Structure formats: C-alpha cells, structure tokens
Amino acid sequence: MKTAQGWFRAKIVSVPTMAKKTPPTNRRYREDLSEMPDWLKKKTCPNRDKYLSGKRILPKNLTGKEKLADLVDNAFLAYNGARLREGCQLFAEKMLEPDVTIGMSLSGALTPAGLGCSSIVPLIKAGFVDWIVATGANLYHDLHFALNYPVRVGSFKMDDTELRDNDIVRVYDVLLGYSDCLMATDEILREILIQPEFQKEMGTAELHYLL
C-alpha cells in the first residue's frame, strides 16, 4: 500500500484472546468488601437499608421522543430538578382534583421579577387559587406593575452606592427608580389610605380588598 510517505508493509499479528474475567461475587454486604477497613466492617449500621431504600438513580438515555410528563417523572430525580418534579406532581395529582381548596404562599422577591404578571395573576383568574398568604413586600412591589411604573433588568454585580447616587434601588438583579417608582407608589398609597373607608380597624384581607 502506498501513502504520502512511501510504501509500507502491513503485518497481521494474531493476538491471543483474553480470558474473560469472572464477574464479581455478590457484594451486597459491607463485610464482603475486602478493601474496607476492619473498623468499618465491624461497625453496626442497623438503619443503613432504611436510608438506602429510595428509588435508584439510573435514568434511561434521553432520545428526544419522551413526553414532557415522562421526562419530569423519570429524569428529574435530584436537587432542584426533583423539587420541580414534586411541584408538578402535586399540581397534577392534587390541585387538579375537582373539589379542592388551594392556598398559595409567597415569599422572596417574586413580584419584582414579574411573576405576578406572568404566573400568579393568570392562576387567580383561572380559578386555581382560593387564598393567598404573602409578604407585604410582594404585594407592595406588585403595585408597580398595576400602576404601570417600569421595573428594569439589572445585575447583582452593580454598585449600590453608585445606583443610589443615580436615584436607583436594586433588588438583587432588578432595578427600580427610587423617585419615579418606589416613592411614586408610596405617594399614591398615602392618598388612598386617607380616604374615609380606611379610617377604621380592619384585617389585612379587607385592607387589600379595598386597595
């Protein structure tokens, strides 16, 4: 055979077949592990089987042909993926039942990120929420959207002193104008809260209903 470097000869060498290794014996028990230190072999672990009784993490290869429900159930097995799976299963198996009461709790800066507009309000309108427990901050910041005050995308790396010098407040990576968003919202709230219907003791449910 000729190559760019010239001629060469190929020699076929017979390689003896390697003997197949005997599969390892059943290593179910810790005592069978020869490399395990003696002190660990002697250690009694009465609850080991209980802790290791969970579903084995060994998902099948993804092909792209899976249905979404199968993907969530069989591939989202740990970490935040598992928490998402639990939420999906709770929604599908419990919340979609014909006669249920659904409560929603909100904490963390959800509404400044736009989740009120994108998710919470549509769920309420669709009848999926019967009652809500939320932080005052979530309710307050959702007012910016109702009042059409812009909330902007920023970065968590921004300098807060520099932002404050430019009349801006940061909520992680969300930016709000101090005067034309936060203080403007406060001003409208003050005008509302001095109205006659608010001049009495009331619970938060009535307060928010009136607002």
Protein backbone atom coordinates (compact mmCIF):
# COMPACT_ATOMS: atom_id res chain seq x y z
CA MET A 1 0.00 0.00 0.00
CA LYS A 2 1.31 3.45 -0.87
CA THR A 3 0.98 6.52 1.33
CA ALA A 4 2.20 10.09 1.10
CA GLN A 5 5.38 8.95 2.86
CA GLY A 6 6.05 5.98 0.54
CA TRP A 7 5.49 2.25 0.65
CA PHE A 8 4.94 0.15 3.74
CA ARG A 9 4.03 -3.39 4.53
CA ALA A 10 1.25 -4.41 6.85
CA LYS A 11 1.72 -7.40 9.05
CA ILE A 12 -1.22 -9.12 10.67
CA VAL A 13 -0.42 -10.27 14.14
CA SER A 14 -2.60 -12.77 15.91
CA VAL A 15 -3.40 -11.64 19.42
CA PRO A 16 -4.48 -14.35 21.85
CA THR A 17 -7.99 -13.92 23.17
CA MET A 18 -8.01 -12.52 26.68
CA ALA A 19 -9.66 -14.76 29.19
CA LYS A 20 -12.94 -13.35 30.39
CA LYS A 21 -12.85 -12.14 33.93
CA THR A 22 -15.14 -13.85 36.34
CA PRO A 23 -17.88 -11.41 37.35
CA PRO A 24 -17.53 -10.19 40.90
CA THR A 25 -19.43 -12.06 43.52
CA ASN A 26 -22.46 -10.51 45.15
CA ARG A 27 -21.14 -7.52 47.07
CA ARG A 28 -24.35 -6.67 48.76
CA TYR A 29 -22.95 -6.67 52.26
CA ARG A 30 -20.34 -4.32 53.57
CA GLU A 31 -18.44 -7.19 55.17
CA ASP A 32 -17.72 -8.61 51.70
CA LEU A 33 -15.71 -5.56 50.64
CA SER A 34 -12.10 -6.62 51.11
CA GLU A 35 -10.79 -3.07 50.69
CA MET A 36 -13.00 -1.79 53.51
CA PRO A 37 -11.05 -1.07 56.71
CA ASP A 38 -11.58 -3.51 59.55
CA TRP A 39 -13.08 -0.93 61.88
CA LEU A 40 -15.77 -0.16 59.33
CA LYS A 41 -16.50 -3.82 58.67
CA LYS A 42 -17.17 -4.32 62.37
CA LYS A 43 -19.34 -1.22 62.64
CA THR A 44 -23.03 -2.00 63.08
CA CYS A 45 -25.31 0.02 60.82
CA PRO A 46 -28.87 -1.03 61.74
CA ASN A 47 -30.58 1.70 59.68
CA ARG A 48 -28.46 1.50 56.55
CA ASP A 49 -31.01 -0.41 54.48
CA LYS A 50 -33.74 2.01 55.52
CA TYR A 51 -31.78 5.04 54.33
CA LEU A 52 -30.83 3.34 51.06
CA SER A 53 -34.37 2.18 50.29
CA GLY A 54 -35.10 5.07 47.91
CA LYS A 55 -35.55 4.71 44.18
CA ARG A 56 -32.27 4.03 42.42
CA ILE A 57 -30.96 6.92 40.33
CA LEU A 58 -30.42 5.23 36.98
CA PRO A 59 -32.46 7.04 34.31
CA LYS A 60 -32.63 5.87 30.72
CA ASN A 61 -30.88 7.79 27.97
CA LEU A 62 -32.96 10.67 26.65
CA THR A 63 -33.92 10.34 22.99
CA GLY A 64 -35.97 13.49 22.43
CA LYS A 65 -39.11 11.42 21.90
CA GLU A 66 -40.18 11.46 25.55
CA LYS A 67 -43.42 13.09 26.59
CA LEU A 68 -42.99 16.01 28.97
CA ALA A 69 -44.66 14.19 31.86
CA ASP A 70 -42.39 11.16 31.41
CA LEU A 71 -39.33 13.42 31.28
CA VAL A 72 -40.28 15.15 34.54
CA ASP A 73 -41.18 11.91 36.32
CA ASN A 74 -38.18 9.84 35.23
CA ALA A 75 -35.29 12.25 34.63
CA PHE A 76 -35.74 14.96 37.28
CA LEU A 77 -34.52 12.78 40.13
CA ALA A 78 -32.50 15.01 42.47
CA TYR A 79 -31.59 18.53 43.54
CA ASN A 80 -33.81 21.36 42.25
CA GLY A 81 -34.98 19.13 39.41
CA ALA A 82 -36.57 16.84 41.98
CA ARG A 83 -38.25 19.79 43.67
CA LEU A 84 -39.70 20.80 40.29
CA ARG A 85 -40.92 17.22 39.79
CA GLU A 86 -42.60 17.26 43.21
CA GLY A 87 -44.32 20.54 42.34
CA CYS A 88 -45.56 19.17 39.01
CA GLN A 89 -46.84 16.00 40.65
CA LEU A 90 -48.56 17.97 43.40
CA PHE A 91 -50.26 20.12 40.78
CA ALA A 92 -51.32 17.21 38.57
CA GLU A 93 -52.32 14.74 41.28
CA LYS A 94 -53.78 17.03 43.96
CA MET A 95 -54.52 20.55 42.78
CA LEU A 96 -56.39 19.47 39.65
CA GLU A 97 -58.86 17.37 41.62
CA PRO A 98 -62.46 18.60 41.13
CA ASP A 99 -63.14 19.62 44.75
CA VAL A 100 -60.07 21.06 46.45
CA THR A 101 -59.17 24.28 48.25
CA ILE A 102 -55.85 25.67 47.09
CA GLY A 103 -53.75 28.03 49.17
CA MET A 104 -50.71 29.85 47.82
CA SER A 105 -47.86 31.19 49.93
CA LEU A 106 -45.46 33.76 48.51
CA SER A 107 -42.11 34.77 49.97
CA GLY A 108 -38.96 36.14 48.48
CA ALA A 109 -38.82 38.86 45.84
CA LEU A 110 -41.19 37.21 43.37
CA THR A 111 -43.29 40.10 42.11
CA PRO A 112 -40.38 42.46 41.31
CA ALA A 113 -39.20 39.73 38.92
CA GLY A 114 -42.57 39.86 37.13
CA LEU A 115 -44.00 36.58 38.44
CA GLY A 116 -47.18 38.36 39.49
CA CYS A 117 -47.94 39.36 35.90
CA SER A 118 -46.70 36.18 34.26
CA SER A 119 -47.91 33.49 36.66
CA ILE A 120 -49.80 34.47 39.81
CA VAL A 121 -52.48 36.69 38.25
CA PRO A 122 -53.27 34.14 35.48
CA LEU A 123 -53.58 31.38 38.10
CA ILE A 124 -56.01 33.51 40.12
CA LYS A 125 -58.05 34.36 37.03
CA ALA A 126 -58.18 30.68 36.05
CA GLY A 127 -59.57 29.76 39.46
CA PHE A 128 -56.55 27.84 40.74
CA VAL A 129 -56.06 29.95 43.89
CA ASP A 130 -58.57 30.22 46.74
CA TRP A 131 -56.47 32.15 49.22
CA ILE A 132 -53.00 33.70 49.44
CA VAL A 133 -50.55 34.32 52.24
CA ALA A 134 -47.82 36.68 51.11
CA THR A 135 -45.21 39.05 52.40
CA GLY A 136 -46.13 42.72 52.31
CA ALA A 137 -43.16 43.32 50.01
CA ASN A 138 -44.62 41.02 47.34
CA LEU A 139 -47.97 42.81 47.49
CA TYR A 140 -46.35 46.23 47.50
CA HIS A 141 -44.00 45.63 44.57
CA ASP A 142 -46.81 44.16 42.51
CA LEU A 143 -48.43 47.60 42.66
CA HIS A 144 -45.66 48.98 40.41
CA PHE A 145 -46.97 46.82 37.59
CA ALA A 146 -50.60 47.73 38.26
CA LEU A 147 -49.62 51.43 38.20
CA ASN A 148 -47.51 50.94 35.06
CA TYR A 149 -44.28 52.03 36.74
CA PRO A 150 -41.35 50.37 34.92
CA VAL A 151 -39.20 47.77 36.63
CA ARG A 152 -35.94 47.07 34.81
CA VAL A 153 -33.48 44.21 34.40
CA GLY A 154 -30.13 44.92 36.05
CA SER A 155 -27.26 42.92 37.54
CA PHE A 156 -26.43 41.70 41.04
CA LYS A 157 -22.86 42.92 40.42
CA MET A 158 -23.85 46.60 40.30
CA ASP A 159 -22.52 49.04 42.87
CA ASP A 160 -25.35 50.03 45.24
CA THR A 161 -23.70 53.32 46.18
CA GLU A 162 -23.41 54.27 42.51
CA LEU A 163 -27.03 53.26 41.94
CA ARG A 164 -28.24 55.26 44.95
CA ASP A 165 -26.36 58.32 43.68
CA ASN A 166 -28.37 57.92 40.48
CA ASP A 167 -31.77 57.57 42.19
CA ILE A 168 -32.00 53.81 41.65
CA VAL A 169 -32.74 50.94 44.07
CA ARG A 170 -31.62 47.36 43.41
CA VAL A 171 -33.43 44.16 44.40
CA TYR A 172 -30.73 41.59 43.53
CA ASP A 173 -30.70 41.97 39.72
CA VAL A 174 -33.88 44.06 39.42
CA LEU A 175 -33.69 47.85 39.25
CA LEU A 176 -36.38 50.31 40.35
CA GLY A 177 -36.36 54.07 40.14
CA TYR A 178 -36.35 55.47 43.67
CA SER A 179 -38.35 58.63 42.96
CA ASP A 180 -40.44 57.65 39.94
CA CYS A 181 -41.28 54.10 41.07
CA LEU A 182 -40.90 53.47 44.82
CA MET A 183 -41.73 56.95 46.10
CA ALA A 184 -44.40 57.41 43.42
CA THR A 185 -46.07 54.19 44.60
CA ASP A 186 -45.88 55.40 48.21
CA GLU A 187 -47.49 58.71 47.28
CA ILE A 188 -50.47 57.01 45.65
CA LEU A 189 -50.85 54.66 48.62
CA ARG A 190 -50.89 57.58 51.04
CA GLU A 191 -53.61 59.28 49.00
CA ILE A 192 -55.68 56.09 49.07
CA LEU A 193 -55.19 55.32 52.76
CA ILE A 194 -56.54 58.70 53.91
CA GLN A 195 -59.89 58.01 52.27
CA PRO A 196 -62.89 57.57 54.66
CA GLU A 197 -63.35 53.83 54.10
CA PHE A 198 -59.88 53.16 55.52
CA GLN A 199 -60.42 55.04 58.78
CA LYS A 200 -61.27 52.02 60.93
CA GLU A 201 -59.75 48.85 62.29
CA MET A 202 -59.67 46.06 59.73
CA GLY A 203 -57.89 42.86 58.86
CA THR A 204 -55.37 42.58 56.06
CA ALA A 205 -57.86 40.77 53.81
CA GLU A 206 -60.25 43.74 53.93
CA LEU A 207 -57.39 46.20 53.54
CA HIS A 208 -56.16 44.55 50.39
CA TYR A 209 -59.69 44.17 49.04
CA LEU A 210 -60.28 47.90 49.45
CA LEU A 211 -56.95 48.74 47.87
